[in-house]
Every structure is written in structure tokens, then in C-alpha cells.
Protein backbone atom coordinates (compact mmCIF):
# COMPACT_ATOMS: atom_id res chain seq x y z
CA MET A 1 169.99 2.70 -107.08
CA ALA A 2 169.59 6.25 -105.85
CA ARG A 3 166.84 6.73 -103.22
CA ILE A 4 165.15 9.30 -105.54
CA ASP A 5 164.70 6.54 -108.09
CA ALA A 6 163.43 4.02 -105.50
CA GLU A 7 160.46 5.86 -103.88
CA GLU A 8 158.22 8.84 -104.39
CA ALA A 9 158.36 11.73 -102.13
CA PRO A 10 155.49 12.26 -99.67
CA GLU A 11 152.75 14.67 -100.86
CA ALA A 12 153.58 17.24 -98.01
CA ILE A 13 157.23 17.37 -99.08
CA VAL A 14 156.31 17.83 -102.79
CA ALA A 15 153.90 20.49 -101.86
CA ALA A 16 156.54 22.33 -99.62
CA LEU A 17 159.18 22.16 -102.27
CA ASP A 18 156.72 23.41 -104.85
CA TRP A 19 155.88 26.40 -102.52
CA ILE A 20 159.54 27.17 -101.94
CA GLY A 21 160.20 27.13 -105.64
CA ARG A 22 157.33 29.59 -106.44
CA LYS A 23 158.27 31.92 -103.50
CA SER A 24 162.02 31.94 -103.96
CA VAL A 25 163.97 34.46 -105.95
CA ASP A 26 166.58 33.38 -108.52
CA ILE A 27 170.01 33.82 -107.01
CA SER A 28 171.16 36.08 -109.81
CA SER A 29 168.45 38.61 -108.77
CA LEU A 30 170.47 39.22 -105.59
CA ASN A 31 172.72 41.42 -107.67
CA THR A 32 169.90 43.97 -107.72
CA PRO A 33 170.06 46.31 -104.76
CA THR A 34 166.25 46.57 -104.41
CA VAL A 35 166.15 42.73 -103.95
CA VAL A 36 168.80 42.79 -101.36
CA ARG A 37 167.14 45.84 -99.55
CA SER A 38 163.86 43.90 -99.56
CA ALA A 39 165.52 40.90 -98.04
CA LEU A 40 167.24 42.90 -95.35
CA ASP A 41 163.88 44.68 -94.53
CA ALA A 42 162.22 41.30 -94.34
CA LEU A 43 164.95 40.15 -91.67
CA ALA A 44 164.00 43.18 -89.64
CA ARG A 45 160.36 42.05 -89.20
CA LYS A 46 158.65 39.27 -87.52
CA MET A 47 156.21 36.97 -89.26
CA ASP A 48 153.28 39.27 -88.12
CA GLY A 49 154.90 42.29 -89.79
CA THR A 50 155.96 44.02 -86.56
CA ALA A 51 159.52 45.06 -85.97
CA ALA A 52 161.90 42.43 -84.82
CA ALA A 53 164.02 42.96 -81.71
CA ASP A 54 167.46 44.38 -82.26
CA ASN A 55 169.20 41.17 -81.20
CA THR A 56 167.18 39.22 -83.63
CA VAL A 57 168.18 41.47 -86.53
CA ASN A 58 171.72 41.48 -85.40
CA ARG A 59 171.69 37.67 -85.39
CA LYS A 60 169.90 37.27 -88.83
CA VAL A 61 171.91 39.76 -90.94
CA PRO A 62 175.31 38.11 -90.48
CA VAL A 63 173.74 34.68 -91.47
CA PHE A 64 172.36 36.31 -94.65
CA SER A 65 175.78 37.82 -95.28
CA ASN A 66 177.46 34.51 -94.94
CA CYS A 67 175.07 32.88 -97.35
CA LEU A 68 175.83 35.59 -99.90
CA ARG A 69 179.55 35.19 -99.29
CA TYR A 70 179.19 31.42 -99.93
CA ALA A 71 177.31 32.24 -103.16
CA VAL A 72 180.26 34.42 -104.30
CA GLU A 73 182.74 31.63 -103.39
CA LEU A 74 180.71 29.18 -105.50
CA ASP A 75 180.70 31.75 -108.33
CA ARG A 76 176.91 31.95 -108.20
CA LEU A 77 177.27 35.76 -107.67
CA PRO A 78 179.97 37.92 -109.15
CA SER A 79 180.40 39.94 -106.01
CA LEU A 80 178.96 40.58 -102.48
CA PRO A 81 175.70 42.43 -103.11
CA LEU A 82 175.51 43.86 -99.57
CA THR A 83 178.26 46.37 -100.47
CA LYS A 84 175.80 47.83 -103.10
CA VAL A 85 173.28 48.73 -100.43
CA ASP A 86 173.41 51.31 -97.76
CA TRP A 87 170.99 49.80 -95.11
CA THR A 88 170.75 49.98 -91.43
CA ALA A 89 168.24 48.18 -89.24
CA PRO A 90 165.33 50.21 -88.12
CA GLU A 91 165.29 51.47 -84.50
CA THR A 92 163.20 49.41 -82.21
CA ASN A 93 162.02 50.31 -78.76
CA ASP A 94 163.16 47.43 -76.61
CA GLU A 95 162.67 49.28 -73.34
CA ILE A 96 161.78 47.20 -70.35
CA ASP A 97 158.58 48.05 -68.60
CA PHE A 98 159.54 47.59 -65.01
CA ARG A 99 155.80 47.25 -63.94
CA TYR A 100 155.91 43.88 -65.51
CA VAL A 101 159.33 42.60 -64.36
CA PRO A 102 159.15 40.53 -61.15
CA GLY A 103 161.06 41.93 -58.28
CA PRO A 104 162.75 40.07 -55.35
CA ALA A 105 159.41 40.01 -53.44
CA TRP A 106 157.53 38.41 -56.38
CA PRO A 107 155.20 36.57 -56.03
CA ALA A 108 153.60 38.29 -53.15
CA SER A 109 152.61 35.91 -50.46
């Protein structure tokens, strides 16, 4: 007997899956450039809405691309939708403020 037939899922899991189902877009909508652009813009932001660091965006976008490539491989998408969008990550100011970087004499004794 399959586990799904043997026991009920905990309430927290059911609620989480319900939330994911309501917030997720259908995979076929990823053929729309506006949806892909929206996803890429979301990857360039942190949860609080501020810009993510360059290295964070540079790490997330290839993962998103690989997911889309896998969807194409499984025939869930007809072609790679990233090729339809001309998008570059927004510039961020990741300058180091050397006033707050500890030097060799830190901490002062």
C-alpha cells in the first residue's frame, strides 16, 4: 500500500502545499516573456524587496535557467523562454565601506 493511502498529511504540510499551489504559475505561462521577466526581476531582489547582491543574482539565474532547460527536456515547454527576453541584472552598489572593516589592529586593546 502506498504511503499516501496509509496516512493523512500533517496540517502544516497540507497548508504549505495549498499555498504553493495558489502562488505558483502554470509552467506553460513561462512561454510569456512578461512572466519570465517578472521571475528574473524577482531573482534580483531579496525578500524585503531591496536589490540582491551581484553574486546572489549570478548564482540564482543559472539555477532558474537549468530548471527551464529541464522543462524543455521533459517537453513541458516548447523552447527555452530565456532567449525571448533581453534582461540584465540591475546594477548594485556592493562597495565596501572600509570604516567598518576590521584592520590588523582590530580590536583595539
